[in-house]
Amino acid sequence: MARMASLLRTLTMNRVISLSRHRKSRTQPPYRENIFADLDFSSAYQPILSPTHQKLVGFEALVRVTRDQMPISPAELFSRASSGEQTVELDSFLLHRHLEQFSGHSMPVWLFLNINPETCIHPASSLDRLVDHCRSCGIAPDRVVLELVETASENPDALLKFIHMAKAKGFRIAIDDFGVGDSNFERLWRMDPMIVKLDRSLLVNAEQHHRARLLLESLVRMIRESGSLVLLEGIESEVQAKIALATEADLLQGFLLGRPGEVCPAIVEQRETGLKSVMNHSRESTLQESSDHDDFLRLLRFEILETCHRLARGEAFTSACEPMLRISGIKRCFLLDREGVQQGNLAFGTRHFAPQEFNPLYHSAGACWAHREYFRNAVTRPQHINASRPYVALPDAIRTVTLSTSLTSDNNRQVFCVDLHPDELFGGQLCFPQTL
């Protein structure tokens, strides 16, 4: 019986690349089933590009698995490893395989390797093995970026220790999938990664909702200001590429820019050419939008000045504002005295009546707006049409920009104000200058 068991084990090990040489004998029972015996592994490398340098600067190593020539998803692979308590062994095997397949490439690029949180429980031993394997493959540790999921570890102290030791050995650190789950800025600051990879869901939401786009731009800006590079992944369309470029993210990754595959100089040249094409297309689209925006802003300036002329001629306020209120995005007009006190109620266009339900904030005659930016701008820049920064206006609790300018007749100074909802104009992408 013992001879039969030994023979079966030998046959099993000959079927595929063995994982056993990456296991520790003290943690691996001698008769544990090899749940990977029917699987074939390969490595694929997805390009990572810098839009500023317009060049390829890295590859992320990804596993490809088949069984009987049928693909197996990475999720299923790691599920099998978890059920067999072989996650650490699988992670070590994949890291070493990715390094071996990447060795021999002298291109000046980073190699991004995903690290399973369980691997970080014993940082000294796992990192020493990784350093040794990097050296045997001719890859310096500072060319390797270790990707860790900031929220995945059940032992955050061990993860932090792993990061500090990895940095000391020369490895770069990237935090993966930031922005989902219980992502925490305090943990991010403590980890101090070189790169933060934002989860693709943030980009998808930014494509669908303008408010999510504003949040994405703010998140990129905040992370960059804190001292880390930002990588936006999952770019699959020209629209998503345009959004990503507008955020000023440092690094880009996605199917539009390059699918996972082999590594060779021809692939590098092809991906860099593709990046330049995507950037040129985005630039042309932005220039066209800018022209359309300028035309709209000129229309706003003309109509505001015309309304001011009507008011100066003594025309009734509601009647004078009527043409102004026909413009898309314009919601209401109001008039303030020299002290910032509102004269009469708001003027609405025929398409923008106050709601029928009770809202005391719509009846704002006599309210004092002297503390508002748009009033102060009109007082300090009386010869201009001023644009406020976006804010949430009291009447409807919606993001609003207020345009304001001073009116002076017979030594009586007033401030004419126009509220508009910027998110309704050009997909929320219209940027207002300080003055029109």
Protein backbone atom coordinates (compact mmCIF):
# COMPACT_ATOMS: atom_id res chain seq x y z
CA MET A 1 0.00 0.00 0.00
CA ALA A 2 2.83 2.39 0.83
CA ARG A 3 4.48 1.69 -2.54
CA MET A 4 1.18 2.40 -4.33
CA ALA A 5 0.73 5.71 -2.51
CA SER A 6 4.28 6.69 -3.40
CA LEU A 7 3.77 5.83 -7.06
CA LEU A 8 0.55 7.87 -7.25
CA ARG A 9 2.27 10.88 -5.78
CA THR A 10 5.10 10.60 -8.30
CA LEU A 11 2.72 10.41 -11.25
CA THR A 12 0.75 13.39 -10.00
CA MET A 13 3.86 15.53 -9.67
CA ASN A 14 4.92 14.74 -13.22
CA ARG A 15 1.67 16.04 -14.76
CA VAL A 16 2.24 19.75 -14.15
CA ILE A 17 4.78 22.20 -12.82
CA SER A 18 5.18 21.30 -9.16
CA LEU A 19 4.22 23.72 -6.42
CA SER A 20 5.74 21.60 -3.69
CA ARG A 21 9.21 23.08 -3.96
CA HIS A 22 7.77 26.38 -2.74
CA ARG A 23 6.21 24.85 0.38
CA LYS A 24 7.76 24.43 3.78
CA SER A 25 7.92 20.87 5.01
CA ARG A 26 6.87 21.86 8.50
CA THR A 27 3.60 23.39 7.26
CA GLN A 28 2.81 20.92 4.45
CA PRO A 29 1.48 17.51 5.50
CA PRO A 30 3.18 14.78 3.42
CA TYR A 31 -0.09 13.40 2.11
CA ARG A 32 -1.98 16.66 1.45
CA GLU A 33 -3.75 16.49 -1.90
CA ASN A 34 -2.21 18.58 -4.66
CA ILE A 35 -5.31 20.50 -5.76
CA PHE A 36 -3.37 22.13 -8.61
CA ALA A 37 -2.30 18.87 -10.23
CA ASP A 38 -4.76 19.23 -13.12
CA LEU A 39 -3.95 22.88 -13.87
CA ASP A 40 -1.54 24.52 -16.33
CA PHE A 41 -0.16 27.96 -15.53
CA SER A 42 1.16 30.83 -17.63
CA SER A 43 1.97 34.50 -17.05
CA ALA A 44 0.56 37.50 -18.91
CA TYR A 45 1.79 41.07 -18.53
CA GLN A 46 -0.42 44.15 -18.86
CA PRO A 47 1.20 47.49 -19.82
CA ILE A 48 1.21 50.47 -17.45
CA LEU A 49 1.84 53.84 -19.11
CA SER A 50 2.74 57.38 -18.13
CA PRO A 51 0.72 60.01 -20.05
CA THR A 52 3.20 62.72 -19.05
CA HIS A 53 6.18 60.83 -20.48
CA GLN A 54 4.03 59.23 -23.20
CA LYS A 55 5.82 55.96 -22.64
CA LEU A 56 5.39 52.51 -21.17
CA VAL A 57 6.85 52.37 -17.66
CA GLY A 58 5.72 49.03 -16.27
CA PHE A 59 3.94 45.70 -16.62
CA GLU A 60 1.54 44.07 -14.17
CA ALA A 61 2.01 40.30 -14.00
CA LEU A 62 -1.25 38.33 -14.15
CA VAL A 63 -1.85 34.59 -13.96
CA ARG A 64 -3.58 32.62 -16.70
CA VAL A 65 -4.80 29.13 -15.80
CA THR A 66 -6.31 26.32 -17.87
CA ARG A 67 -7.59 22.83 -17.17
CA ASP A 68 -7.80 20.52 -20.17
CA GLN A 69 -7.26 23.63 -22.34
CA MET A 70 -10.30 25.36 -20.77
CA PRO A 71 -9.67 28.66 -18.95
CA ILE A 72 -10.06 28.87 -15.19
CA SER A 73 -10.73 32.26 -13.60
CA PRO A 74 -8.21 33.61 -11.07
CA ALA A 75 -11.09 33.83 -8.56
CA GLU A 76 -11.70 30.10 -8.87
CA LEU A 77 -7.98 29.39 -8.62
CA PHE A 78 -7.59 31.26 -5.34
CA SER A 79 -10.84 29.79 -4.04
CA ARG A 80 -9.40 26.31 -4.57
CA ALA A 81 -6.18 27.37 -2.86
CA SER A 82 -8.09 28.76 0.11
CA SER A 83 -10.20 25.63 0.50
CA GLY A 84 -7.02 23.52 0.47
CA GLU A 85 -5.16 25.88 2.81
CA GLN A 86 -2.54 26.42 0.13
CA THR A 87 -2.95 30.15 -0.53
CA VAL A 88 0.57 31.06 0.62
CA GLU A 89 2.10 28.25 -1.45
CA LEU A 90 0.17 29.37 -4.53
CA ASP A 91 1.15 33.02 -4.00
CA SER A 92 4.83 32.11 -3.69
CA PHE A 93 4.64 29.89 -6.76
CA LEU A 94 3.03 32.65 -8.86
CA LEU A 95 5.49 35.31 -7.72
CA HIS A 96 8.42 33.13 -8.67
CA ARG A 97 6.87 32.09 -11.97
CA HIS A 98 6.13 35.71 -12.96
CA LEU A 99 9.75 36.64 -12.17
CA GLU A 100 11.14 33.72 -14.16
CA GLN A 101 9.02 34.53 -17.20
CA PHE A 102 10.01 38.21 -17.00
CA SER A 103 13.74 37.58 -16.58
CA GLY A 104 15.92 38.37 -19.55
CA HIS A 105 14.06 41.58 -20.41
CA SER A 106 16.39 44.55 -20.08
CA MET A 107 13.73 47.21 -20.70
CA PRO A 108 13.77 50.02 -18.10
CA VAL A 109 10.31 49.25 -16.68
CA TRP A 110 8.79 48.21 -13.36
CA LEU A 111 7.33 44.75 -12.81
CA PHE A 112 4.13 44.90 -10.72
CA LEU A 113 3.50 41.75 -8.64
CA ASN A 114 0.35 41.12 -6.60
CA ILE A 115 0.95 39.91 -3.03
CA ASN A 116 -1.70 37.95 -1.13
CA PRO A 117 -2.19 39.33 2.43
CA GLU A 118 -1.58 35.87 3.92
CA THR A 119 1.95 35.99 2.54
CA CYS A 120 2.66 38.99 4.76
CA ILE A 121 2.15 37.07 8.03
CA HIS A 122 5.80 35.92 8.02
CA PRO A 123 7.46 38.88 6.25
CA ALA A 124 11.09 38.05 6.91
CA SER A 125 11.08 34.57 5.40
CA SER A 126 8.79 35.42 2.48
CA LEU A 127 10.77 38.54 1.56
CA ASP A 128 14.12 36.79 1.83
CA ARG A 129 12.93 34.12 -0.61
CA LEU A 130 11.60 36.79 -2.94
CA VAL A 131 14.88 38.74 -2.88
CA ASP A 132 16.83 35.57 -3.62
CA HIS A 133 14.58 34.74 -6.54
CA CYS A 134 14.82 38.29 -7.92
CA ARG A 135 18.60 38.00 -7.88
CA SER A 136 18.55 34.59 -9.55
CA CYS A 137 16.35 36.07 -12.30
CA GLY A 138 18.60 39.11 -12.73
CA ILE A 139 15.90 41.55 -11.56
CA ALA A 140 16.84 44.14 -8.94
CA PRO A 141 14.24 44.58 -6.15
CA ASP A 142 13.86 48.28 -6.99
CA ARG A 143 12.44 47.24 -10.38
CA VAL A 144 9.67 45.31 -8.58
CA VAL A 145 6.47 46.95 -7.35
CA LEU A 146 4.60 44.85 -4.80
CA GLU A 147 0.84 45.42 -4.98
CA LEU A 148 -1.07 44.97 -1.73
CA VAL A 149 -4.76 45.47 -0.98
CA GLU A 150 -4.94 47.95 1.88
CA THR A 151 -8.21 46.55 3.34
CA ALA A 152 -7.73 42.81 2.84
CA SER A 153 -5.42 41.87 5.71
CA GLU A 154 -6.88 40.55 8.95
CA ASN A 155 -3.63 41.58 10.63
CA PRO A 156 -2.90 45.21 9.69
CA ASP A 157 0.15 45.37 11.97
CA ALA A 158 1.72 42.42 10.14
CA LEU A 159 0.91 44.07 6.80
CA LEU A 160 2.55 47.31 7.93
CA LYS A 161 5.62 45.39 9.13
CA PHE A 162 5.80 43.61 5.78
CA ILE A 163 5.69 46.95 3.94
CA HIS A 164 8.47 48.47 6.04
CA MET A 165 10.69 45.42 5.55
CA ALA A 166 9.94 45.29 1.82
CA LYS A 167 10.97 48.92 1.44
CA ALA A 168 14.16 48.27 3.37
CA LYS A 169 15.02 45.49 0.90
CA GLY A 170 14.49 47.86 -2.04
CA PHE A 171 11.01 46.87 -3.23
CA ARG A 172 8.49 49.52 -4.27
CA ILE A 173 5.01 49.44 -2.72
CA ALA A 174 1.66 50.00 -4.42
CA ILE A 175 -1.74 49.92 -2.72
CA ASP A 176 -4.29 48.20 -4.95
CA ASP A 177 -8.09 48.71 -5.23
CA PHE A 178 -8.09 51.88 -3.12
CA GLY A 179 -11.42 53.68 -2.88
CA VAL A 180 -13.78 50.75 -2.26
CA GLY A 181 -14.86 48.84 0.82
CA ASP A 182 -13.50 50.35 4.00
CA SER A 183 -10.50 52.07 2.42
CA ASN A 184 -8.96 54.25 5.08
CA PHE A 185 -6.76 57.31 4.61
CA GLU A 186 -5.12 56.84 7.99
CA ARG A 187 -3.86 53.39 6.94
CA LEU A 188 -2.78 54.84 3.62
CA TRP A 189 -0.67 57.51 5.27
CA ARG A 190 0.96 54.91 7.54
CA MET A 191 1.79 52.64 4.61
CA ASP A 192 3.23 55.55 2.62
CA PRO A 193 3.13 53.73 -0.75
CA MET A 194 4.92 54.96 -3.82
CA ILE A 195 1.80 54.25 -5.93
CA VAL A 196 -1.92 54.14 -5.14
CA LYS A 197 -4.05 52.21 -7.65
CA LEU A 198 -7.64 53.43 -7.63
CA ASP A 199 -10.32 50.80 -8.08
CA ARG A 200 -11.92 50.73 -11.52
CA SER A 201 -15.40 51.28 -10.05
CA LEU A 202 -14.44 54.90 -9.32
CA LEU A 203 -13.76 55.49 -13.02
CA VAL A 204 -16.97 53.74 -14.09
CA ASN A 205 -19.02 55.83 -11.66
CA ALA A 206 -17.26 59.00 -12.84
CA GLU A 207 -18.34 58.18 -16.40
CA GLN A 208 -21.97 57.83 -15.33
CA HIS A 209 -22.34 60.56 -12.70
CA HIS A 210 -20.84 64.03 -12.72
CA ARG A 211 -20.69 64.21 -8.93
CA ALA A 212 -18.65 60.98 -8.88
CA ARG A 213 -16.33 62.56 -11.42
CA LEU A 214 -15.74 65.53 -9.15
CA LEU A 215 -15.01 63.19 -6.26
CA LEU A 216 -12.56 61.19 -8.40
CA GLU A 217 -10.69 64.34 -9.39
CA SER A 218 -10.53 65.42 -5.73
CA LEU A 219 -9.30 61.98 -4.65
CA VAL A 220 -6.52 61.96 -7.25
CA ARG A 221 -5.46 65.46 -6.24
CA MET A 222 -5.47 64.59 -2.52
CA ILE A 223 -3.38 61.43 -2.95
CA ARG A 224 -0.85 63.18 -5.19
CA GLU A 225 -0.53 66.04 -2.73
CA SER A 226 0.09 63.52 0.06
CA GLY A 227 3.18 62.21 -1.76
CA SER A 228 2.05 59.14 -3.74
CA LEU A 229 1.67 58.58 -7.46
CA VAL A 230 -1.84 57.70 -8.67
CA LEU A 231 -2.58 54.89 -11.11
CA LEU A 232 -6.02 54.72 -12.74
CA GLU A 233 -6.77 51.21 -13.96
CA GLY A 234 -9.60 49.65 -15.95
CA ILE A 235 -9.59 52.17 -18.82
CA GLU A 236 -11.62 50.51 -21.58
CA SER A 237 -13.04 53.36 -23.70
CA GLU A 238 -12.11 56.74 -25.13
CA VAL A 239 -14.54 58.43 -22.74
CA GLN A 240 -12.90 56.78 -19.73
CA ALA A 241 -9.47 57.70 -21.06
CA LYS A 242 -10.54 61.33 -21.37
CA ILE A 243 -11.81 61.34 -17.77
CA ALA A 244 -8.60 59.69 -16.56
CA LEU A 245 -6.43 62.22 -18.39
CA ALA A 246 -8.47 65.10 -16.97
CA THR A 247 -7.76 63.93 -13.41
CA GLU A 248 -4.01 64.29 -14.08
CA ALA A 249 -3.38 60.76 -12.77
CA ASP A 250 0.28 59.82 -13.09
CA LEU A 251 -0.15 56.30 -14.54
CA LEU A 252 -2.81 54.62 -16.67
CA GLN A 253 -3.75 51.00 -17.27
CA GLY A 254 -6.58 49.22 -19.09
CA PHE A 255 -7.67 47.23 -22.13
CA LEU A 256 -7.86 50.38 -24.27
CA LEU A 257 -4.14 50.93 -23.70
CA GLY A 258 -3.06 47.29 -23.81
CA ARG A 259 -4.36 43.86 -22.92
CA PRO A 260 -2.28 41.39 -20.91
CA GLY A 261 0.13 39.48 -23.11
CA GLU A 262 3.80 38.92 -23.81
CA VAL A 263 6.68 41.30 -23.16
CA CYS A 264 8.82 42.44 -26.07
CA PRO A 265 10.15 45.70 -27.59
CA ALA A 266 7.52 45.56 -30.36
CA ILE A 267 4.73 45.50 -27.77
CA VAL A 268 6.27 48.51 -25.99
CA GLU A 269 6.40 50.53 -29.20
CA GLN A 270 2.85 49.54 -30.12
CA ARG A 271 1.43 50.51 -26.73
CA GLU A 272 3.26 53.85 -26.66
CA THR A 273 1.92 54.67 -30.13
CA GLY A 274 -1.57 53.75 -28.93
CA LEU A 275 -1.23 56.01 -25.89
CA LYS A 276 -0.27 58.97 -28.07
CA SER A 277 -3.28 58.31 -30.30
CA VAL A 278 -5.62 58.22 -27.29
CA MET A 279 -4.14 61.44 -25.92
CA ASN A 280 -4.46 63.22 -29.28
CA HIS A 281 -8.10 62.16 -29.58
CA SER A 282 -8.80 63.40 -26.07
CA ARG A 283 -7.04 66.70 -26.79
CA GLU A 284 -9.08 67.29 -29.97
CA SER A 285 -12.31 66.54 -28.13
CA THR A 286 -11.34 68.91 -25.33
CA LEU A 287 -10.54 71.70 -27.80
CA GLN A 288 -13.96 71.32 -29.44
CA GLU A 289 -15.67 71.39 -26.07
CA SER A 290 -13.66 74.46 -25.11
CA SER A 291 -14.89 76.25 -28.23
CA ASP A 292 -18.50 75.33 -27.41
CA HIS A 293 -18.01 76.49 -23.82
CA ASP A 294 -16.61 79.84 -24.96
CA ASP A 295 -19.63 80.38 -27.21
CA PHE A 296 -22.00 79.68 -24.32
CA LEU A 297 -20.13 82.00 -21.95
CA ARG A 298 -20.29 84.79 -24.54
CA LEU A 299 -24.06 84.24 -24.78
CA LEU A 300 -24.38 84.47 -21.01
CA ARG A 301 -22.40 87.71 -20.91
CA PHE A 302 -24.53 89.25 -23.68
CA GLU A 303 -27.85 88.32 -22.03
CA ILE A 304 -26.77 89.51 -18.56
CA LEU A 305 -25.72 92.89 -19.97
CA GLU A 306 -28.99 93.13 -21.92
CA THR A 307 -30.96 92.40 -18.74
CA CYS A 308 -29.03 95.08 -16.88
CA HIS A 309 -29.87 97.60 -19.64
CA ARG A 310 -33.57 96.73 -19.36
CA LEU A 311 -33.47 97.22 -15.61
CA ALA A 312 -31.64 100.56 -16.05
CA ARG A 313 -34.45 101.67 -18.39
CA GLY A 314 -36.97 100.96 -15.61
CA GLU A 315 -38.46 97.73 -16.99
CA ALA A 316 -40.17 95.49 -14.42
CA PHE A 317 -37.77 92.97 -12.89
CA THR A 318 -39.61 89.76 -13.91
CA SER A 319 -40.13 91.03 -17.45
CA ALA A 320 -36.51 92.17 -17.81
CA CYS A 321 -35.24 88.74 -16.70
CA GLU A 322 -37.51 86.69 -18.96
CA PRO A 323 -35.07 86.30 -21.94
CA MET A 324 -32.27 85.45 -19.53
CA LEU A 325 -34.33 82.69 -17.93
CA ARG A 326 -34.92 80.96 -21.26
CA ILE A 327 -31.25 79.91 -21.44
CA SER A 328 -30.56 76.28 -20.55
CA GLY A 329 -29.25 75.85 -17.01
CA ILE A 330 -30.43 79.28 -15.76
CA LYS A 331 -32.75 78.79 -12.78
CA ARG A 332 -33.51 82.16 -11.22
CA CYS A 333 -32.56 85.83 -10.96
CA PHE A 334 -32.61 88.17 -7.98
CA LEU A 335 -31.60 91.71 -7.05
CA LEU A 336 -29.69 92.89 -3.97
CA ASP A 337 -29.28 96.40 -2.59
CA ARG A 338 -25.95 97.97 -1.61
CA GLU A 339 -26.10 96.19 1.77
CA GLY A 340 -26.71 92.77 0.22
CA VAL A 341 -30.41 92.62 1.13
CA GLN A 342 -32.66 90.94 -1.46
CA GLN A 343 -35.17 93.23 -3.17
CA GLY A 344 -38.36 91.28 -3.80
CA ASN A 345 -38.62 87.55 -4.45
CA LEU A 346 -36.82 85.36 -6.94
CA ALA A 347 -37.67 85.58 -10.64
CA PHE A 348 -38.21 82.15 -12.26
CA GLY A 349 -38.47 81.28 -15.93
CA THR A 350 -41.57 79.51 -17.23
CA ARG A 351 -39.68 76.19 -17.08
CA HIS A 352 -38.37 76.70 -13.55
CA PHE A 353 -41.28 77.51 -11.27
CA ALA A 354 -40.78 77.13 -7.55
CA PRO A 355 -42.04 73.71 -6.43
CA GLN A 356 -45.60 73.41 -5.23
CA GLU A 357 -44.64 71.75 -1.94
CA PHE A 358 -43.87 73.95 1.01
CA ASN A 359 -40.35 75.41 1.10
CA PRO A 360 -39.83 78.63 3.08
CA LEU A 361 -36.44 79.20 1.46
CA TYR A 362 -38.05 80.13 -1.86
CA HIS A 363 -39.64 83.19 -0.27
CA SER A 364 -36.39 85.03 0.28
CA ALA A 365 -37.37 88.71 -0.07
CA GLY A 366 -35.49 90.68 2.60
CA ALA A 367 -32.82 87.99 3.08
CA CYS A 368 -29.30 89.34 3.52
CA TRP A 369 -26.66 87.81 1.22
CA ALA A 370 -23.84 90.22 2.08
CA HIS A 371 -21.69 87.33 3.36
CA ARG A 372 -21.88 85.49 0.04
CA GLU A 373 -18.94 85.38 -2.34
CA TYR A 374 -20.99 86.55 -5.31
CA PHE A 375 -22.04 89.76 -3.50
CA ARG A 376 -18.49 90.56 -2.39
CA ASN A 377 -17.20 89.92 -5.94
CA ALA A 378 -19.71 92.33 -7.44
CA VAL A 379 -18.74 95.02 -4.92
CA THR A 380 -14.97 94.65 -5.41
CA ARG A 381 -15.17 94.13 -9.20
CA PRO A 382 -18.10 96.37 -10.21
CA GLN A 383 -17.18 96.56 -13.88
CA HIS A 384 -17.24 92.80 -14.42
CA ILE A 385 -19.66 89.90 -14.56
CA ASN A 386 -18.35 87.70 -11.77
CA ALA A 387 -18.72 83.94 -11.36
CA SER A 388 -18.77 82.35 -7.92
CA ARG A 389 -17.27 79.00 -7.12
CA PRO A 390 -19.82 76.16 -7.14
CA TYR A 391 -21.77 75.85 -3.89
CA VAL A 392 -25.04 74.35 -2.65
CA ALA A 393 -27.71 77.05 -2.89
CA LEU A 394 -30.38 77.31 -0.20
CA PRO A 395 -33.51 77.41 -2.38
CA ASP A 396 -33.09 73.90 -3.82
CA ALA A 397 -29.98 72.37 -2.19
CA ILE A 398 -28.39 71.78 -5.63
CA ARG A 399 -24.88 72.71 -6.80
CA THR A 400 -25.09 76.26 -8.09
CA VAL A 401 -22.92 78.94 -9.66
CA THR A 402 -24.03 82.54 -9.21
CA LEU A 403 -23.13 85.21 -11.76
CA SER A 404 -23.22 88.73 -10.35
CA THR A 405 -22.58 92.30 -11.45
CA SER A 406 -23.17 95.79 -10.06
CA LEU A 407 -25.85 98.18 -11.31
CA THR A 408 -25.49 101.88 -10.52
CA SER A 409 -28.04 104.56 -11.33
CA ASP A 410 -28.58 107.90 -9.56
CA ASN A 411 -25.99 106.89 -6.93
CA ASN A 412 -28.10 103.84 -6.13
CA ARG A 413 -25.96 100.71 -6.33
CA GLN A 414 -27.56 97.30 -6.71
CA VAL A 415 -26.24 93.83 -7.48
CA PHE A 416 -27.92 91.72 -10.15
CA CYS A 417 -27.53 87.95 -9.62
CA VAL A 418 -28.23 84.93 -11.81
CA ASP A 419 -28.26 81.37 -10.45
CA LEU A 420 -27.52 78.42 -12.73
CA HIS A 421 -26.98 74.70 -12.21
CA PRO A 422 -23.59 73.86 -13.76
CA ASP A 423 -24.22 70.11 -13.72
CA GLU A 424 -26.93 70.59 -16.36
CA LEU A 425 -24.50 72.23 -18.80
CA PHE A 426 -22.10 70.26 -21.03
CA GLY A 427 -22.24 67.22 -18.80
CA GLY A 428 -21.09 69.28 -15.85
CA GLN A 429 -17.78 70.07 -17.52
CA LEU A 430 -18.24 73.80 -18.09
CA CYS A 431 -15.58 75.71 -16.16
CA PHE A 432 -16.40 79.28 -15.24
CA PRO A 433 -13.64 81.91 -15.19
CA GLN A 434 -13.62 84.41 -12.34
CA THR A 435 -15.11 86.99 -14.67
CA LEU A 436 -17.00 86.66 -17.94
